[in-house]
């Protein structure tokens, strides 16, 4: 069993939008690979939306409804990417060597 600092924040939420964590000693296990794949999809979606946002802002004919839809999609992607960044930051912090306590 890993310590709480070594739990991996997963890229999806549980019931009532609560965070889900993975405790495993196998970074190549099924759940770890699944989380890696979902994070990869989320990063790709964010990149695509960023490109779309740039194009939409350059288009003078963009309607308010189109802009509203884009903002909703960007909000969801930003939420996903923030979760990925938080998870990866926690993994880095957990893997850093700890200084001995004196």
Protein backbone atom coordinates (compact mmCIF):
# COMPACT_ATOMS: atom_id res chain seq x y z
CA UNK A 1 0.00 0.00 0.00
CA UNK A 2 1.27 3.48 -0.82
CA UNK A 3 1.22 6.52 1.43
CA UNK A 4 -1.34 9.30 0.79
CA UNK A 5 1.34 11.39 -0.95
CA UNK A 6 1.85 8.59 -3.44
CA UNK A 7 -1.78 8.24 -4.48
CA UNK A 8 -2.44 9.15 -8.08
CA UNK A 9 -5.25 11.56 -8.82
CA UNK A 10 -7.17 9.97 -11.68
CA UNK A 11 -8.42 12.00 -14.65
CA UNK A 12 -12.08 11.38 -13.84
CA UNK A 13 -14.41 12.11 -10.96
CA UNK A 14 -16.42 9.79 -8.80
CA UNK A 15 -19.87 10.17 -7.31
CA UNK A 16 -20.87 13.74 -6.53
CA UNK A 17 -17.85 14.95 -8.55
CA UNK A 18 -15.43 13.73 -5.87
CA UNK A 19 -11.81 13.06 -6.91
CA UNK A 20 -10.75 9.46 -7.55
CA UNK A 21 -7.32 8.19 -6.54
CA UNK A 22 -5.31 5.12 -7.48
CA UNK A 23 -3.10 3.28 -5.03
CA UNK A 24 -0.77 0.85 -6.76
CA UNK A 25 2.81 -0.28 -6.82
CA UNK A 26 2.56 -1.00 -10.56
CA UNK A 27 2.82 2.12 -12.76
CA UNK A 28 2.30 -0.15 -15.79
CA UNK A 29 -0.87 -1.77 -14.46
CA UNK A 30 -4.22 -1.63 -16.22
CA UNK A 31 -5.61 1.34 -14.26
CA UNK A 32 -2.38 3.34 -14.59
CA UNK A 33 -2.32 2.77 -18.35
CA UNK A 34 -6.02 3.66 -18.60
CA UNK A 35 -5.42 6.91 -16.72
CA UNK A 36 -2.41 7.69 -18.94
CA UNK A 37 -4.50 7.11 -22.07
CA UNK A 38 -7.36 9.29 -20.85
CA UNK A 39 -4.93 12.06 -19.90
CA UNK A 40 -3.43 11.85 -23.39
CA UNK A 41 -6.88 12.24 -24.96
CA UNK A 42 -7.64 15.18 -22.66
CA UNK A 43 -4.39 16.93 -23.62
CA UNK A 44 -5.12 16.35 -27.31
CA UNK A 45 -8.63 17.74 -26.93
CA UNK A 46 -7.28 20.85 -25.21
CA UNK A 47 -4.75 21.40 -28.01
CA UNK A 48 -7.48 21.06 -30.64
CA UNK A 49 -9.76 23.48 -28.77
CA UNK A 50 -6.96 26.03 -28.42
CA UNK A 51 -6.48 25.98 -32.17
CA UNK A 52 -10.24 26.24 -32.71
CA UNK A 53 -10.45 29.16 -30.28
CA UNK A 54 -7.76 31.06 -32.17
CA UNK A 55 -9.58 30.51 -35.46
CA UNK A 56 -12.92 31.48 -33.93
CA UNK A 57 -11.55 34.71 -32.50
CA UNK A 58 -10.13 35.62 -35.91
CA UNK A 59 -13.50 35.01 -37.60
CA UNK A 60 -15.60 38.19 -37.65
CA UNK A 61 -18.73 36.14 -38.46
CA UNK A 62 -18.67 34.09 -35.24
CA UNK A 63 -22.08 34.18 -33.58
CA UNK A 64 -22.70 34.57 -29.87
CA UNK A 65 -24.06 31.00 -29.71
CA UNK A 66 -20.89 29.65 -31.37
CA UNK A 67 -18.75 31.63 -28.94
CA UNK A 68 -20.79 30.39 -25.97
CA UNK A 69 -20.41 26.77 -27.12
CA UNK A 70 -16.66 27.23 -27.52
CA UNK A 71 -16.35 28.73 -24.04
CA UNK A 72 -18.23 25.75 -22.56
CA UNK A 73 -15.88 23.32 -24.33
CA UNK A 74 -12.81 25.31 -23.25
CA UNK A 75 -14.04 25.35 -19.65
CA UNK A 76 -14.36 21.57 -19.62
CA UNK A 77 -10.93 21.13 -21.23
CA UNK A 78 -9.34 23.55 -18.76
CA UNK A 79 -10.90 21.60 -15.88
CA UNK A 80 -9.47 18.35 -17.29
CA UNK A 81 -6.01 19.83 -17.88
CA UNK A 82 -5.91 21.31 -14.39
CA UNK A 83 -6.63 17.83 -12.99
CA UNK A 84 -3.84 16.34 -15.15
CA UNK A 85 -1.39 19.01 -14.01
CA UNK A 86 -2.35 18.51 -10.37
CA UNK A 87 -1.97 14.75 -10.67
CA UNK A 88 1.41 14.95 -12.36
CA UNK A 89 2.62 17.53 -9.86
CA UNK A 90 1.64 15.23 -7.00
CA UNK A 91 3.43 12.31 -8.66
CA UNK A 92 6.58 14.40 -9.07
CA UNK A 93 6.47 15.54 -5.46
CA UNK A 94 6.02 11.96 -4.26
CA UNK A 95 8.96 10.72 -6.32
CA UNK A 96 11.41 13.42 -5.22
CA UNK A 97 14.02 12.17 -2.77
CA UNK A 98 13.28 13.22 0.76
CA UNK A 99 15.93 14.84 2.90
CA UNK A 100 16.69 13.03 6.14
CA UNK A 101 15.19 14.55 9.28
CA UNK A 102 17.78 15.56 11.85
